Amino acid sequence: METGALDIRHDADAGRFEVELPGGRAYLLYRREGDVLDLLSTFVPPEHRHRGIGEAIVLAALEHARRQGYVVIPTCPFVGGVIERNPEYAELVAEG
């Protein structure tokens, strides 16, 4: 599956970025407090892992944070890894 073809949706009421996949849903859960997004956890169904889907969802969330002027807390270790591999997003990480 091409990650560029993913239909990543932002469900603000549920606090997640998500994509429907054959056989399940991949998502990034977050909590928003003011201008801070705490990126809590990611999930990709096992049969869809290691294809860049989780990273694409995290990057969509980071782009959303940038557009909105938010900072992020990478509580989820996977999110932290994505930021390490894409240092242009390091400026979004909340200090402290």
C-alpha atoms as a PDB file:
ATOM      1  CA  MET A   1       0.000   0.000   0.000  1.00  0.00           C
ATOM      2  CA  GLU A   2       1.339   3.405  -0.963  1.00  0.00           C
ATOM      3  CA  THR A   3       1.483   5.687   2.066  1.00  0.00           C
ATOM      4  CA  GLY A   4       0.867   8.698  -0.173  1.00  0.00           C
ATOM      5  CA  ALA A   5      -2.516   7.222  -1.089  1.00  0.00           C
ATOM      6  CA  LEU A   6      -3.651   6.976   2.533  1.00  0.00           C
ATOM      7  CA  ASP A   7      -6.813   8.835   3.504  1.00  0.00           C
ATOM      8  CA  ILE A   8      -5.688  10.041   6.935  1.00  0.00           C
ATOM      9  CA  ARG A   9      -8.543  11.692   8.804  1.00  0.00           C
ATOM     10  CA  HIS A  10      -8.455  13.875  11.889  1.00  0.00           C
ATOM     11  CA  ASP A  11     -11.251  13.103  14.353  1.00  0.00           C
ATOM     12  CA  ALA A  12     -10.889  15.936  16.868  1.00  0.00           C
ATOM     13  CA  ASP A  13     -13.843  14.724  18.957  1.00  0.00           C
ATOM     14  CA  ALA A  14     -12.196  11.319  19.447  1.00  0.00           C
ATOM     15  CA  GLY A  15      -8.697  12.803  19.756  1.00  0.00           C
ATOM     16  CA  ARG A  16      -7.123  10.803  16.983  1.00  0.00           C
ATOM     17  CA  PHE A  17      -5.701  10.766  13.500  1.00  0.00           C
ATOM     18  CA  GLU A  18      -6.789   7.601  11.705  1.00  0.00           C
ATOM     19  CA  VAL A  19      -6.886   5.669   8.489  1.00  0.00           C
ATOM     20  CA  GLU A  20      -9.202   2.803   7.594  1.00  0.00           C
ATOM     21  CA  LEU A  21      -7.370  -0.235   6.242  1.00  0.00           C
ATOM     22  CA  PRO A  22      -8.619  -3.580   4.969  1.00  0.00           C
ATOM     23  CA  GLY A  23      -9.290  -5.497   8.158  1.00  0.00           C
ATOM     24  CA  GLY A  24      -8.878  -2.655  10.650  1.00  0.00           C
ATOM     25  CA  ARG A  25      -7.975   0.896  11.554  1.00  0.00           C
ATOM     26  CA  ALA A  26      -4.585   2.472  12.191  1.00  0.00           C
ATOM     27  CA  TYR A  27      -4.498   5.494  14.456  1.00  0.00           C
ATOM     28  CA  LEU A  28      -2.608   7.943  16.627  1.00  0.00           C
ATOM     29  CA  LEU A  29      -4.362   8.916  19.863  1.00  0.00           C
ATOM     30  CA  TYR A  30      -3.713  12.305  21.399  1.00  0.00           C
ATOM     31  CA  ARG A  31      -4.919  14.621  24.149  1.00  0.00           C
ATOM     32  CA  ARG A  32      -5.099  18.359  23.552  1.00  0.00           C
ATOM     33  CA  GLU A  33      -4.695  20.903  26.324  1.00  0.00           C
ATOM     34  CA  GLY A  34      -4.638  24.463  25.019  1.00  0.00           C
ATOM     35  CA  ASP A  35      -1.902  24.667  22.400  1.00  0.00           C
ATOM     36  CA  VAL A  36      -0.295  21.359  23.433  1.00  0.00           C
ATOM     37  CA  LEU A  37      -0.913  17.997  21.753  1.00  0.00           C
ATOM     38  CA  ASP A  38       0.176  15.057  23.884  1.00  0.00           C
ATOM     39  CA  LEU A  39       0.734  12.287  21.311  1.00  0.00           C
ATOM     40  CA  LEU A  40      -0.182   9.278  23.419  1.00  0.00           C
ATOM     41  CA  SER A  41      -0.086   6.091  21.382  1.00  0.00           C
ATOM     42  CA  THR A  42      -0.108   4.652  17.895  1.00  0.00           C
ATOM     43  CA  PHE A  43      -1.578   1.439  16.567  1.00  0.00           C
ATOM     44  CA  VAL A  44      -1.319  -0.265  13.189  1.00  0.00           C
ATOM     45  CA  PRO A  45      -2.947  -3.666  12.662  1.00  0.00           C
ATOM     46  CA  PRO A  46      -0.230  -6.349  12.590  1.00  0.00           C
ATOM     47  CA  GLU A  47      -0.787  -7.278   8.942  1.00  0.00           C
ATOM     48  CA  HIS A  48      -0.123  -3.659   7.904  1.00  0.00           C
ATOM     49  CA  ARG A  49       2.981  -2.940   9.989  1.00  0.00           C
ATOM     50  CA  HIS A  50       6.417  -2.052   8.571  1.00  0.00           C
ATOM     51  CA  ARG A  51       4.896  -0.305   5.548  1.00  0.00           C
ATOM     52  CA  GLY A  52       5.243   3.303   6.713  1.00  0.00           C
ATOM     53  CA  ILE A  53       1.585   3.700   7.679  1.00  0.00           C
ATOM     54  CA  GLY A  54       2.237   4.593  11.315  1.00  0.00           C
ATOM     55  CA  GLU A  55       4.887   7.098  10.322  1.00  0.00           C
ATOM     56  CA  ALA A  56       2.555   8.687   7.759  1.00  0.00           C
ATOM     57  CA  ILE A  57      -0.114   9.157  10.440  1.00  0.00           C
ATOM     58  CA  VAL A  58       2.395  10.691  12.865  1.00  0.00           C
ATOM     59  CA  LEU A  59       3.687  13.048  10.169  1.00  0.00           C
ATOM     60  CA  ALA A  60       0.105  14.129   9.412  1.00  0.00           C
ATOM     61  CA  ALA A  61      -0.400  14.908  13.110  1.00  0.00           C
ATOM     62  CA  LEU A  62       2.861  16.854  13.257  1.00  0.00           C
ATOM     63  CA  GLU A  63       1.882  18.863  10.184  1.00  0.00           C
ATOM     64  CA  HIS A  64      -1.470  19.608  11.820  1.00  0.00           C
ATOM     65  CA  ALA A  65       0.324  20.783  14.972  1.00  0.00           C
ATOM     66  CA  ARG A  66       2.592  23.027  12.901  1.00  0.00           C
ATOM     67  CA  ARG A  67      -0.313  24.595  10.998  1.00  0.00           C
ATOM     68  CA  GLN A  68      -2.231  25.247  14.230  1.00  0.00           C
ATOM     69  CA  GLY A  69       0.769  26.639  16.111  1.00  0.00           C
ATOM     70  CA  TYR A  70       0.724  23.801  18.663  1.00  0.00           C
ATOM     71  CA  VAL A  71       3.613  22.140  20.426  1.00  0.00           C
ATOM     72  CA  VAL A  72       3.700  18.386  20.973  1.00  0.00           C
ATOM     73  CA  ILE A  73       4.647  15.995  23.728  1.00  0.00           C
ATOM     74  CA  PRO A  74       5.866  12.715  22.187  1.00  0.00           C
ATOM     75  CA  THR A  75       4.596  10.427  24.966  1.00  0.00           C
ATOM     76  CA  CYS A  76       4.434   7.535  22.500  1.00  0.00           C
ATOM     77  CA  PRO A  77       7.961   6.218  21.864  1.00  0.00           C
ATOM     78  CA  PHE A  78       7.110   5.586  18.205  1.00  0.00           C
ATOM     79  CA  VAL A  79       6.298   9.300  17.793  1.00  0.00           C
ATOM     80  CA  GLY A  80       9.662  10.170  19.350  1.00  0.00           C
ATOM     81  CA  GLY A  81      11.385   7.933  16.821  1.00  0.00           C
ATOM     82  CA  VAL A  82       9.567   9.589  13.926  1.00  0.00           C
ATOM     83  CA  ILE A  83      10.675  13.006  15.180  1.00  0.00           C
ATOM     84  CA  GLU A  84      14.284  11.774  15.491  1.00  0.00           C
ATOM     85  CA  ARG A  85      14.181  10.557  11.866  1.00  0.00           C
ATOM     86  CA  ASN A  86      12.556  13.827  10.741  1.00  0.00           C
ATOM     87  CA  PRO A  87      14.426  16.547  12.680  1.00  0.00           C
ATOM     88  CA  GLU A  88      12.502  19.326  10.943  1.00  0.00           C
ATOM     89  CA  TYR A  89       9.751  18.582  13.494  1.00  0.00           C
ATOM     90  CA  ALA A  90      12.001  18.790  16.577  1.00  0.00           C
ATOM     91  CA  GLU A  91      11.077  22.466  16.979  1.00  0.00           C
ATOM     92  CA  LEU A  92       7.490  21.366  17.749  1.00  0.00           C
ATOM     93  CA  VAL A  93       8.480  19.393  20.851  1.00  0.00           C
ATOM     94  CA  ALA A  94       7.404  21.132  24.049  1.00  0.00           C
ATOM     95  CA  GLU A  95      10.264  22.087  26.340  1.00  0.00           C
ATOM     96  CA  GLY A  96      10.524  20.551  29.776  1.00  0.00           C
END
